[in-house]
C-alpha cells in the first residue's frame, strides 16, 4: 500500500531556509510523480513542485522558481523540497502527494491535483519574525 509521510516543517524567519522531506512507502510498478502542494491559511491548495520517478524530470511552479528546489535522495528514499529566501506568505501546510503517470514519457507537470491519489498528512511551515 502506497503511503507518503512528510517531515521537516517548523518555524523559520523571513529570509531563512527549510527543507521538507517526503518518505514514500510501498512503491509498486509503474511511474509516478511525487509532488509538493501548499495550502496557505484561507486559500486553496496549490501545486508547488513535482518530480518524475521515471527520469527525474522536475518542475517548480513559476512563482517559486529560484527559491524552491525539488530533488530525490535515493539513499534516503525521499523527495525533498528545499525552500530558501522564505517569506511570510510561504506559511501554510505543505503536503506531499503521489500520482501515477499515465504514460512513461509524461512530465510530472502534466498531472492535475485530482490525479494525485496518495496524500500525506501535511507538515506545517510558519514563516514569521
Foldseek 3Di string as FASTA:
>chain_A
DKAKAKDWADEAAQQAKTKMKIAIPDDDDAKKKKWKWWDAPPGDIDTAKIAIPQPRDMDGPPVQPPFWDWGADVVRRIIMIIGGSDDQRRWGWMKIFMAGDPDNPDGNVPDDPVRTDYIYPTDTHGYHD
